[in-house]
Amino acid sequence: SDPSWTDGIHFYVEPREFTMNPSQGIILPRGHQDIEV
């Protein structure tokens, strides 16, 4: 019953379409961190 089905998706501001996991943290010396985008 969401009105977006017929009226489309409306945003009051620009949508946030990207998320990163993790988005912050600590990388140890000469280490690495895998990031999911």
Full PDB file with SEQRES, HELIX, SHEET, SSBOND, CRYST1, ORIGX, SCALE, CONECT and MASTER records, all heavy atoms in Angstrom:
SEQRES   1 A   37  SER ASP PRO SER TRP THR ASP GLY ILE HIS PHE TYR VAL          
SEQRES   2 A   37  GLU PRO ARG GLU PHE THR MET ASN PRO SER GLN GLY ILE          
SEQRES   3 A   37  ILE LEU PRO ARG GLY HIS GLN ASP ILE GLU VAL                  
HELIX    1 AA1 SER A    4  ASP A    7  1                                   4    
CRYST1    1.000    1.000    1.000  90.00  90.00  90.00 P 1           1          
ORIGX1      1.000000  0.000000  0.000000        0.00000                         
ORIGX2      0.000000  1.000000  0.000000        0.00000                         
ORIGX3      0.000000  0.000000  1.000000        0.00000                         
SCALE1      1.000000  0.000000  0.000000        0.00000                         
SCALE2      0.000000  1.000000  0.000000        0.00000                         
SCALE3      0.000000  0.000000  1.000000        0.00000                         
ATOM      1  N   SER A   1       0.816  -1.219   0.000  1.00  0.00           N  
ATOM      2  CA  SER A   1       0.000   0.000   0.000  1.00  0.00           C  
ATOM      3  C   SER A   1       0.846   1.263   0.000  1.00  0.00           C  
ATOM      4  O   SER A   1       0.310   2.368   0.088  1.00  0.00           O  
ATOM      5  CB  SER A   1      -0.933   0.007   1.219  1.00  0.00           C  
ATOM      6  OG  SER A   1      -0.180  -0.002   2.431  1.00  0.00           O  
ATOM      7  N   ASP A   2       2.161   1.114  -0.090  1.00  0.00           N  
ATOM      8  CA  ASP A   2       3.047   2.280  -0.110  1.00  0.00           C  
ATOM      9  C   ASP A   2       2.730   3.139  -1.335  1.00  0.00           C  
ATOM     10  O   ASP A   2       2.656   2.635  -2.461  1.00  0.00           O  
ATOM     11  CB  ASP A   2       4.508   1.812  -0.159  1.00  0.00           C  
ATOM     12  CG  ASP A   2       5.485   2.948   0.127  1.00  0.00           C  
ATOM     13  OD1 ASP A   2       5.370   3.999  -0.532  1.00  0.00           O  
ATOM     14  OD2 ASP A   2       6.345   2.785   1.008  1.00  0.00           O  
ATOM     15  N   PRO A   3       2.525   4.453  -1.149  1.00  0.00           N  
ATOM     16  CA  PRO A   3       2.183   5.308  -2.298  1.00  0.00           C  
ATOM     17  C   PRO A   3       3.291   5.399  -3.346  1.00  0.00           C  
ATOM     18  O   PRO A   3       3.043   5.827  -4.467  1.00  0.00           O  
ATOM     19  CB  PRO A   3       1.919   6.682  -1.650  1.00  0.00           C  
ATOM     20  CG  PRO A   3       2.586   6.628  -0.313  1.00  0.00           C  
ATOM     21  CD  PRO A   3       2.503   5.204   0.123  1.00  0.00           C  
ATOM     22  N   SER A   4       4.511   4.999  -2.999  1.00  0.00           N  
ATOM     23  CA  SER A   4       5.605   5.061  -3.977  1.00  0.00           C  
ATOM     24  C   SER A   4       5.369   4.126  -5.152  1.00  0.00           C  
ATOM     25  O   SER A   4       5.947   4.311  -6.223  1.00  0.00           O  
ATOM     26  CB  SER A   4       6.934   4.718  -3.294  1.00  0.00           C  
ATOM     27  OG  SER A   4       6.942   3.385  -2.824  1.00  0.00           O  
ATOM     28  N   TRP A   5       4.487   3.116  -4.983  1.00  0.00           N  
ATOM     29  CA  TRP A   5       4.200   2.213  -6.090  1.00  0.00           C  
ATOM     30  C   TRP A   5       3.568   2.951  -7.261  1.00  0.00           C  
ATOM     31  O   TRP A   5       3.831   2.641  -8.424  1.00  0.00           O  
ATOM     32  CB  TRP A   5       3.263   1.103  -5.621  1.00  0.00           C  
ATOM     33  CG  TRP A   5       3.952   0.004  -4.851  1.00  0.00           C  
ATOM     34  CD1 TRP A   5       3.863  -0.250  -3.513  1.00  0.00           C  
ATOM     35  CD2 TRP A   5       4.822  -0.994  -5.365  1.00  0.00           C  
ATOM     36  NE1 TRP A   5       4.621  -1.336  -3.169  1.00  0.00           N  
ATOM     37  CE2 TRP A   5       5.220  -1.818  -4.286  1.00  0.00           C  
ATOM     38  CE3 TRP A   5       5.315  -1.278  -6.637  1.00  0.00           C  
ATOM     39  CZ2 TRP A   5       6.082  -2.908  -4.450  1.00  0.00           C  
ATOM     40  CZ3 TRP A   5       6.164  -2.365  -6.800  1.00  0.00           C  
ATOM     41  CH2 TRP A   5       6.541  -3.161  -5.718  1.00  0.00           C  
ATOM     42  N   THR A   6       2.691   3.904  -6.958  1.00  0.00           N  
ATOM     43  CA  THR A   6       1.994   4.612  -8.033  1.00  0.00           C  
ATOM     44  C   THR A   6       2.544   6.012  -8.268  1.00  0.00           C  
ATOM     45  O   THR A   6       2.501   6.528  -9.385  1.00  0.00           O  
ATOM     46  CB  THR A   6       0.490   4.721  -7.712  1.00  0.00           C  
ATOM     47  OG1 THR A   6       0.328   5.290  -6.399  1.00  0.00           O  
ATOM     48  CG2 THR A   6      -0.145   3.337  -7.733  1.00  0.00           C  
ATOM     49  N   ASP A   7       3.059   6.649  -7.205  1.00  0.00           N  
ATOM     50  CA  ASP A   7       3.525   8.035  -7.329  1.00  0.00           C  
ATOM     51  C   ASP A   7       5.027   8.155  -7.491  1.00  0.00           C  
ATOM     52  O   ASP A   7       5.539   9.254  -7.718  1.00  0.00           O  
ATOM     53  CB  ASP A   7       3.104   8.844  -6.089  1.00  0.00           C  
ATOM     54  CG  ASP A   7       1.599   8.852  -5.884  1.00  0.00           C  
ATOM     55  OD1 ASP A   7       0.887   8.686  -6.900  1.00  0.00           O  
ATOM     56  OD2 ASP A   7       1.151   8.995  -4.740  1.00  0.00           O  
ATOM     57  N   GLY A   8       5.751   7.048  -7.356  1.00  0.00           N  
ATOM     58  CA  GLY A   8       7.203   7.112  -7.414  1.00  0.00           C  
ATOM     59  C   GLY A   8       7.777   7.433  -6.043  1.00  0.00           C  
ATOM     60  O   GLY A   8       7.069   7.817  -5.109  1.00  0.00           O  
ATOM     61  N   ILE A   9       9.091   7.244  -5.923  1.00  0.00           N  
ATOM     62  CA  ILE A   9       9.786   7.505  -4.662  1.00  0.00           C  
ATOM     63  C   ILE A   9      10.181   8.972  -4.610  1.00  0.00           C  
ATOM     64  O   ILE A   9      10.840   9.487  -5.510  1.00  0.00           O  
ATOM     65  CB  ILE A   9      11.034   6.614  -4.535  1.00  0.00           C  
ATOM     66  CG1 ILE A   9      10.627   5.139  -4.560  1.00  0.00           C  
ATOM     67  CG2 ILE A   9      11.803   6.934  -3.267  1.00  0.00           C  
ATOM     68  CD1 ILE A   9      11.797   4.182  -4.570  1.00  0.00           C  
ATOM     69  N   HIS A  10       9.741   9.653  -3.554  1.00  0.00           N  
ATOM     70  CA  HIS A  10      10.034  11.078  -3.402  1.00  0.00           C  
ATOM     71  C   HIS A  10      10.898  11.286  -2.163  1.00  0.00           C  
ATOM     72  O   HIS A  10      10.658  10.705  -1.109  1.00  0.00           O  
ATOM     73  CB  HIS A  10       8.749  11.895  -3.284  1.00  0.00           C  
ATOM     74  CG  HIS A  10       7.896  11.831  -4.519  1.00  0.00           C  
ATOM     75  ND1 HIS A  10       8.182  12.535  -5.668  1.00  0.00           N  
ATOM     76  CD2 HIS A  10       6.767  11.128  -4.796  1.00  0.00           C  
ATOM     77  CE1 HIS A  10       7.269  12.276  -6.590  1.00  0.00           C  
ATOM     78  NE2 HIS A  10       6.400  11.420  -6.081  1.00  0.00           N  
ATOM     79  N   PHE A  11      11.908  12.136  -2.306  1.00  0.00           N  
ATOM     80  CA  PHE A  11      12.812  12.438  -1.207  1.00  0.00           C  
ATOM     81  C   PHE A  11      12.741  13.921  -0.884  1.00  0.00           C  
ATOM     82  O   PHE A  11      12.637  14.760  -1.771  1.00  0.00           O  
ATOM     83  CB  PHE A  11      14.254  12.068  -1.572  1.00  0.00           C  
ATOM     84  CG  PHE A  11      14.479  10.589  -1.737  1.00  0.00           C  
ATOM     85  CD1 PHE A  11      14.448   9.997  -2.985  1.00  0.00           C  
ATOM     86  CD2 PHE A  11      14.718   9.786  -0.637  1.00  0.00           C  
ATOM     87  CE1 PHE A  11      14.650   8.638  -3.141  1.00  0.00           C  
ATOM     88  CE2 PHE A  11      14.930   8.426  -0.777  1.00  0.00           C  
ATOM     89  CZ  PHE A  11      14.898   7.859  -2.029  1.00  0.00           C  
ATOM     90  N   TYR A  12      12.789  14.223   0.421  1.00  0.00           N  
ATOM     91  CA  TYR A  12      12.863  15.620   0.837  1.00  0.00           C  
ATOM     92  C   TYR A  12      14.270  16.168   0.615  1.00  0.00           C  
ATOM     93  O   TYR A  12      14.461  17.363   0.402  1.00  0.00           O  
ATOM     94  CB  TYR A  12      12.467  15.745   2.312  1.00  0.00           C  
ATOM     95  CG  TYR A  12      11.039  15.298   2.580  1.00  0.00           C  
ATOM     96  CD1 TYR A  12      10.771  14.066   3.153  1.00  0.00           C  
ATOM     97  CD2 TYR A  12       9.961  16.113   2.227  1.00  0.00           C  
ATOM     98  CE1 TYR A  12       9.470  13.653   3.387  1.00  0.00           C  
ATOM     99  CE2 TYR A  12       8.653  15.708   2.448  1.00  0.00           C  
ATOM    100  CZ  TYR A  12       8.411  14.477   3.036  1.00  0.00           C  
ATOM    101  OH  TYR A  12       7.121  14.072   3.251  1.00  0.00           O  
ATOM    102  N   VAL A  13      15.260  15.283   0.688  1.00  0.00           N  
ATOM    103  CA  VAL A  13      16.648  15.627   0.375  1.00  0.00           C  
ATOM    104  C   VAL A  13      17.182  14.538  -0.547  1.00  0.00           C  
ATOM    105  O   VAL A  13      16.504  13.568  -0.849  1.00  0.00           O  
ATOM    106  CB  VAL A  13      17.498  15.721   1.666  1.00  0.00           C  
ATOM    107  CG1 VAL A  13      17.050  16.899   2.529  1.00  0.00           C  
ATOM    108  CG2 VAL A  13      17.433  14.426   2.465  1.00  0.00           C  
ATOM    109  N   GLU A  14      18.416  14.710  -1.019  1.00  0.00           N  
ATOM    110  CA  GLU A  14      19.005  13.734  -1.918  1.00  0.00           C  
ATOM    111  C   GLU A  14      19.161  12.379  -1.213  1.00  0.00           C  
ATOM    112  O   GLU A  14      19.499  12.315  -0.035  1.00  0.00           O  
ATOM    113  CB  GLU A  14      20.383  14.230  -2.396  1.00  0.00           C  
ATOM    114  CG  GLU A  14      20.319  15.430  -3.329  1.00  0.00           C  
ATOM    115  CD  GLU A  14      19.612  15.094  -4.638  1.00  0.00           C  
ATOM    116  OE1 GLU A  14      19.819  13.979  -5.162  1.00  0.00           O  
ATOM    117  OE2 GLU A  14      18.852  15.937  -5.129  1.00  0.00           O  
ATOM    118  N   PRO A  15      18.910  11.278  -1.930  1.00  0.00           N  
ATOM    119  CA  PRO A  15      19.018   9.959  -1.291  1.00  0.00           C  
ATOM    120  C   PRO A  15      20.469   9.571  -1.029  1.00  0.00           C  
ATOM    121  O   PRO A  15      21.375   9.922  -1.793  1.00  0.00           O  
ATOM    122  CB  PRO A  15      18.381   9.021  -2.326  1.00  0.00           C  
ATOM    123  CG  PRO A  15      18.573   9.720  -3.636  1.00  0.00           C  
ATOM    124  CD  PRO A  15      18.453  11.191  -3.334  1.00  0.00           C  
ATOM    125  N   ARG A  16      20.665   8.833   0.060  1.00  0.00           N  
ATOM    126  CA  ARG A  16      21.979   8.266   0.344  1.00  0.00           C  
ATOM    127  C   ARG A  16      22.004   6.866  -0.247  1.00  0.00           C  
ATOM    128  O   ARG A  16      21.401   5.932   0.271  1.00  0.00           O  
ATOM    129  CB  ARG A  16      22.239   8.215   1.850  1.00  0.00           C  
ATOM    130  CG  ARG A  16      23.663   7.762   2.187  1.00  0.00           C  
ATOM    131  CD  ARG A  16      23.943   7.766   3.675  1.00  0.00           C  
ATOM    132  NE  ARG A  16      23.289   6.650   4.356  1.00  0.00           N  
ATOM    133  CZ  ARG A  16      22.347   6.770   5.271  1.00  0.00           C  
ATOM    134  NH1 ARG A  16      21.914   7.972   5.627  1.00  0.00           N  
ATOM    135  NH2 ARG A  16      21.806   5.709   5.840  1.00  0.00           N  
ATOM    136  N   GLU A  17      22.716   6.724  -1.342  1.00  0.00           N  
ATOM    137  CA  GLU A  17      22.664   5.489  -2.117  1.00  0.00           C  
ATOM    138  C   GLU A  17      23.874   4.582  -1.878  1.00  0.00           C  
ATOM    139  O   GLU A  17      23.863   3.424  -2.299  1.00  0.00           O  
ATOM    140  CB  GLU A  17      22.537   5.832  -3.602  1.00  0.00           C  
ATOM    141  CG  GLU A  17      21.238   6.598  -3.898  1.00  0.00           C  
ATOM    142  CD  GLU A  17      21.169   7.156  -5.308  1.00  0.00           C  
ATOM    143  OE1 GLU A  17      22.074   7.936  -5.671  1.00  0.00           O  
ATOM    144  OE2 GLU A  17      20.222   6.826  -6.028  1.00  0.00           O  
ATOM    145  N   PHE A  18      24.888   5.093  -1.217  1.00  0.00           N  
ATOM    146  CA  PHE A  18      26.087   4.300  -0.936  1.00  0.00           C  
ATOM    147  C   PHE A  18      26.220   4.060   0.564  1.00  0.00           C  
ATOM    148  O   PHE A  18      25.978   4.964   1.371  1.00  0.00           O  
ATOM    149  CB  PHE A  18      27.348   5.015  -1.430  1.00  0.00           C  
ATOM    150  CG  PHE A  18      27.482   5.074  -2.923  1.00  0.00           C  
ATOM    151  CD1 PHE A  18      26.927   6.126  -3.635  1.00  0.00           C  
ATOM    152  CD2 PHE A  18      28.164   4.085  -3.618  1.00  0.00           C  
ATOM    153  CE1 PHE A  18      27.051   6.188  -5.014  1.00  0.00           C  
ATOM    154  CE2 PHE A  18      28.283   4.141  -4.997  1.00  0.00           C  
ATOM    155  CZ  PHE A  18      27.732   5.190  -5.695  1.00  0.00           C  
ATOM    156  N   THR A  19      26.602   2.845   0.925  1.00  0.00           N  
ATOM    157  CA  THR A  19      26.965   2.550   2.314  1.00  0.00           C  
ATOM    158  C   THR A  19      28.268   1.755   2.297  1.00  0.00           C  
ATOM    159  O   THR A  19      28.515   0.951   1.383  1.00  0.00           O  
ATOM    160  CB  THR A  19      25.878   1.740   3.043  1.00  0.00           C  
ATOM    161  OG1 THR A  19      25.592   0.547   2.302  1.00  0.00           O  
ATOM    162  CG2 THR A  19      24.602   2.561   3.195  1.00  0.00           C  
ATOM    163  N   MET A  20      29.093   1.992   3.304  1.00  0.00           N  
ATOM    164  CA  MET A  20      30.371   1.302   3.433  1.00  0.00           C  
ATOM    165  C   MET A  20      30.411   0.555   4.759  1.00  0.00           C  
ATOM    166  O   MET A  20      29.957   1.078   5.777  1.00  0.00           O  
ATOM    167  CB  MET A  20      31.528   2.298   3.373  1.00  0.00           C  
ATOM    168  CG  MET A  20      31.741   2.901   1.985  1.00  0.00           C  
ATOM    169  SD  MET A  20      30.592   4.236   1.593  1.00  0.00           S  
ATOM    170  CE  MET A  20      31.196   5.551   2.642  1.00  0.00           C  
ATOM    171  N   ASN A  21      30.954  -0.649   4.740  1.00  0.00           N  
ATOM    172  CA  ASN A  21      31.052  -1.459   5.951  1.00  0.00           C  
ATOM    173  C   ASN A  21      32.425  -2.144   6.002  1.00  0.00           C  
ATOM    174  O   ASN A  21      32.727  -2.990   5.156  1.00  0.00           O  
ATOM    175  CB  ASN A  21      29.950  -2.501   5.981  1.00  0.00           C  
ATOM    176  CG  ASN A  21      29.974  -3.329   7.249  1.00  0.00           C  
ATOM    177  OD1 ASN A  21      30.304  -2.830   8.323  1.00  0.00           O  
ATOM    178  ND2 ASN A  21      29.643  -4.604   7.121  1.00  0.00           N  
ATOM    179  N   PRO A  22      33.257  -1.735   6.987  1.00  0.00           N  
ATOM    180  CA  PRO A  22      33.025  -0.644   7.950  1.00  0.00           C  
ATOM    181  C   PRO A  22      33.297   0.711   7.302  1.00  0.00           C  
ATOM    182  O   PRO A  22      34.042   0.800   6.333  1.00  0.00           O  
ATOM    183  CB  PRO A  22      34.046  -0.944   9.043  1.00  0.00           C  
ATOM    184  CG  PRO A  22      35.179  -1.605   8.312  1.00  0.00           C  
ATOM    185  CD  PRO A  22      34.548  -2.428   7.230  1.00  0.00           C  
ATOM    186  N   SER A  23      32.685   1.739   7.843  1.00  0.00           N  
ATOM    187  CA  SER A  23      32.903   3.090   7.321  1.00  0.00           C  
ATOM    188  C   SER A  23      34.014   3.813   8.072  1.00  0.00           C  
ATOM    189  O   SER A  23      34.449   4.884   7.645  1.00  0.00           O  
ATOM    190  CB  SER A  23      31.617   3.902   7.411  1.00  0.00           C  
ATOM    191  OG  SER A  23      31.182   4.010   8.753  1.00  0.00           O  
ATOM    192  N   GLN A  24      34.453   3.250   9.185  1.00  0.00           N  
ATOM    193  CA  GLN A  24      35.553   3.827   9.947  1.00  0.00           C  
ATOM    194  C   GLN A  24      36.179   2.751  10.823  1.00  0.00           C  
ATOM    195  O   GLN A  24      35.592   1.688  11.038  1.00  0.00           O  
ATOM    196  CB  GLN A  24      35.076   4.995  10.808  1.00  0.00           C  
ATOM    197  CG  GLN A  24      33.972   4.645  11.773  1.00  0.00           C  
ATOM    198  CD  GLN A  24      33.453   5.858  12.499  1.00  0.00           C  
ATOM    199  OE1 GLN A  24      34.028   6.945  12.441  1.00  0.00           O  
ATOM    200  NE2 GLN A  24      32.353   5.691  13.207  1.00  0.00           N  
ATOM    201  N   GLY A  25      37.378   3.037  11.298  1.00  0.00           N  
ATOM    202  CA  GLY A  25      38.051   2.060  12.141  1.00  0.00           C  
ATOM    203  C   GLY A  25      39.538   2.359  12.221  1.00  0.00           C  
ATOM    204  O   GLY A  25      40.004   3.444  11.849  1.00  0.00           O  
ATOM    205  N   ILE A  26      40.295   1.379  12.702  1.00  0.00           N  
ATOM    206  CA  ILE A  26      41.742   1.496  12.852  1.00  0.00           C  
ATOM    207  C   ILE A  26      42.404   0.390  12.039  1.00  0.00           C  
ATOM    208  O   ILE A  26      42.026  -0.786  12.137  1.00  0.00           O  
ATOM    209  CB  ILE A  26      42.156   1.391  14.333  1.00  0.00           C  
ATOM    210  CG1 ILE A  26      41.551   2.542  15.141  1.00  0.00           C  
ATOM    211  CG2 ILE A  26      43.675   1.384  14.473  1.00  0.00           C  
ATOM    212  CD1 ILE A  26      41.839   2.454  16.623  1.00  0.00           C  
ATOM    213  N   ILE A  27      43.401   0.773  11.234  1.00  0.00           N  
ATOM    214  CA  ILE A  27      44.197  -0.195  10.493  1.00  0.00           C  
ATOM    215  C   ILE A  27      45.559  -0.288  11.173  1.00  0.00           C  
ATOM    216  O   ILE A  27      46.251   0.722  11.365  1.00  0.00           O  
ATOM    217  CB  ILE A  27      44.361   0.212   9.013  1.00  0.00           C  
ATOM    218  CG1 ILE A  27      43.000   0.454   8.360  1.00  0.00           C  
ATOM    219  CG2 ILE A  27      45.109  -0.880   8.252  1.00  0.00           C  
ATOM    220  CD1 ILE A  27      43.092   0.851   6.903  1.00  0.00           C  
ATOM    221  N   LEU A  28      45.946  -1.495  11.554  1.00  0.00           N  
ATOM    222  CA  LEU A  28      47.210  -1.701  12.237  1.00  0.00           C  
ATOM    223  C   LEU A  28      48.387  -1.435  11.312  1.00  0.00           C  
ATOM    224  O   LEU A  28      48.236  -1.409  10.080  1.00  0.00           O  
ATOM    225  CB  LEU A  28      47.264  -3.139  12.760  1.00  0.00           C  
ATOM    226  CG  LEU A  28      46.196  -3.516  13.808  1.00  0.00           C  
ATOM    227  CD1 LEU A  28      46.332  -4.985  14.178  1.00  0.00           C  
ATOM    228  CD2 LEU A  28      46.301  -2.626  15.025  1.00  0.00           C  
ATOM    229  N   PRO A  29      49.571  -1.212  11.892  1.00  0.00           N  
ATOM    230  CA  PRO A  29      50.760  -0.967  11.064  1.00  0.00           C  
ATOM    231  C   PRO A  29      50.977  -2.080  10.037  1.00  0.00           C  
ATOM    232  O   PRO A  29      50.916  -3.259  10.359  1.00  0.00           O  
ATOM    233  CB  PRO A  29      51.898  -0.914  12.086  1.00  0.00           C  
ATOM    234  CG  PRO A  29      51.236  -0.527  13.363  1.00  0.00           C  
ATOM    235  CD  PRO A  29      49.868  -1.142  13.322  1.00  0.00           C  
ATOM    236  N   ARG A  30      51.186  -1.652   8.811  1.00  0.00           N  
ATOM    237  CA  ARG A  30      51.393  -2.563   7.684  1.00  0.00           C  
ATOM    238  C   ARG A  30      50.268  -3.614   7.588  1.00  0.00           C  
ATOM    239  O   ARG A  30      50.488  -4.762   7.199  1.00  0.00           O  
ATOM    240  CB  ARG A  30      52.765  -3.237   7.774  1.00  0.00           C  
ATOM    241  CG  ARG A  30      53.914  -2.222   7.693  1.00  0.00           C  
ATOM    242  CD  ARG A  30      55.282  -2.867   7.703  1.00  0.00           C  
ATOM    243  NE  ARG A  30      56.303  -1.853   7.490  1.00  0.00           N  
ATOM    244  CZ  ARG A  30      56.860  -1.119   8.462  1.00  0.00           C  
ATOM    245  NH1 ARG A  30      56.480  -1.312   9.721  1.00  0.00           N  
ATOM    246  NH2 ARG A  30      57.780  -0.220   8.187  1.00  0.00           N  
ATOM    247  N   GLY A  31      49.073  -3.171   7.945  1.00  0.00           N  
ATOM    248  CA  GLY A  31      47.913  -4.043   7.875  1.00  0.00           C  
ATOM    249  C   GLY A  31      46.949  -3.576   6.797  1.00  0.00           C  
ATOM    250  O   GLY A  31      47.222  -2.658   6.020  1.00  0.00           O  
ATOM    251  N   HIS A  32      45.785  -4.189   6.760  1.00  0.00           N  
ATOM    252  CA  HIS A  32      44.790  -3.823   5.761  1.00  0.00           C  
ATOM    253  C   HIS A  32      43.393  -4.024   6.336  1.00  0.00           C  
ATOM    254  O   HIS A  32      43.215  -4.701   7.359  1.00  0.00           O  
ATOM    255  CB  HIS A  32      44.957  -4.638   4.483  1.00  0.00           C  
ATOM    256  CG  HIS A  32      44.745  -6.104   4.671  1.00  0.00           C  
ATOM    257  ND1 HIS A  32      45.774  -6.984   4.921  1.00  0.00           N  
ATOM    258  CD2 HIS A  32      43.611  -6.870   4.675  1.00  0.00           C  
ATOM    259  CE1 HIS A  32      45.297  -8.199   5.062  1.00  0.00           C  
ATOM    260  NE2 HIS A  32      43.980  -8.166   4.925  1.00  0.00           N  
ATOM    261  N   GLN A  33      42.408  -3.450   5.653  1.00  0.00           N  
ATOM    262  CA  GLN A  33      41.003  -3.578   6.031  1.00  0.00           C  
ATOM    263  C   GLN A  33      40.180  -3.789   4.767  1.00  0.00           C  
ATOM    264  O   GLN A  33      40.252  -2.991   3.825  1.00  0.00           O  
ATOM    265  CB  GLN A  33      40.520  -2.321   6.757  1.00  0.00           C  
ATOM    266  CG  GLN A  33      39.027  -2.307   7.066  1.00  0.00           C  
ATOM    267  CD  GLN A  33      38.645  -3.358   8.083  1.00  0.00           C  
ATOM    268  OE1 GLN A  33      39.114  -3.331   9.221  1.00  0.00           O  
ATOM    269  NE2 GLN A  33      37.777  -4.274   7.689  1.00  0.00           N  
ATOM    270  N   ASP A  34      39.419  -4.893   4.724  1.00  0.00           N  
ATOM    271  CA  ASP A  34      38.511  -5.116   3.598  1.00  0.00           C  
ATOM    272  C   ASP A  34      37.240  -4.307   3.810  1.00  0.00           C  
ATOM    273  O   ASP A  34      36.648  -4.318   4.891  1.00  0.00           O  
ATOM    274  CB  ASP A  34      38.178  -6.602   3.476  1.00  0.00           C  
ATOM    275  CG  ASP A  34      39.367  -7.423   2.998  1.00  0.00           C  
ATOM    276  OD1 ASP A  34      40.215  -6.860   2.278  1.00  0.00           O  
ATOM    277  OD2 ASP A  34      39.454  -8.609   3.358  1.00  0.00           O  
ATOM    278  N   ILE A  35      36.814  -3.613   2.751  1.00  0.00           N  
ATOM    279  CA  ILE A  35      35.656  -2.712   2.809  1.00  0.00           C  
ATOM    280  C   ILE A  35      34.575  -3.235   1.859  1.00  0.00           C  
ATOM    281  O   ILE A  35      34.853  -3.511   0.694  1.00  0.00           O  
ATOM    282  CB  ILE A  35      36.038  -1.273   2.406  1.00  0.00           C  
ATOM    283  CG1 ILE A  35      37.250  -0.784   3.198  1.00  0.00           C  
ATOM    284  CG2 ILE A  35      34.845  -0.342   2.579  1.00  0.00           C  
ATOM    285  CD1 ILE A  35      37.014  -0.591   4.661  1.00  0.00           C  
ATOM    286  N   GLU A  36      33.342  -3.368   2.371  1.00  0.00           N  
ATOM    287  CA  GLU A  36      32.189  -3.702   1.532  1.00  0.00           C  
ATOM    288  C   GLU A  36      31.469  -2.409   1.143  1.00  0.00           C  
ATOM    289  O   GLU A  36      31.029  -1.666   2.018  1.00  0.00           O  
ATOM    290  CB  GLU A  36      31.225  -4.633   2.264  1.00  0.00           C  
ATOM    291  CG  GLU A  36      31.736  -6.040   2.450  1.00  0.00           C  
ATOM    292  CD  GLU A  36      30.687  -6.944   3.060  1.00  0.00           C  
ATOM    293  OE1 GLU A  36      29.699  -6.414   3.614  1.00  0.00           O  
ATOM    294  OE2 GLU A  36      30.841  -8.176   2.989  1.00  0.00           O  
ATOM    295  N   VAL A  37      31.359  -2.172  -0.146  1.00  0.00           N  
ATOM    296  CA  VAL A  37      30.667  -0.989  -0.661  1.00  0.00           C  
ATOM    297  C   VAL A  37      29.350  -1.448  -1.279  1.00  0.00           C  
ATOM    298  O   VAL A  37      29.343  -2.273  -2.196  1.00  0.00           O  
ATOM    299  CB  VAL A  37      31.519  -0.244  -1.702  1.00  0.00           C  
ATOM    300  CG1 VAL A  37      30.786   0.999  -2.197  1.00  0.00           C  
ATOM    301  CG2 VAL A  37      32.872   0.132  -1.121  1.00  0.00           C  
TER     302      VAL A  37                                                      
MASTER        0    0    0    1    0    0    0    6  301    1    0    3          
END                                                                             
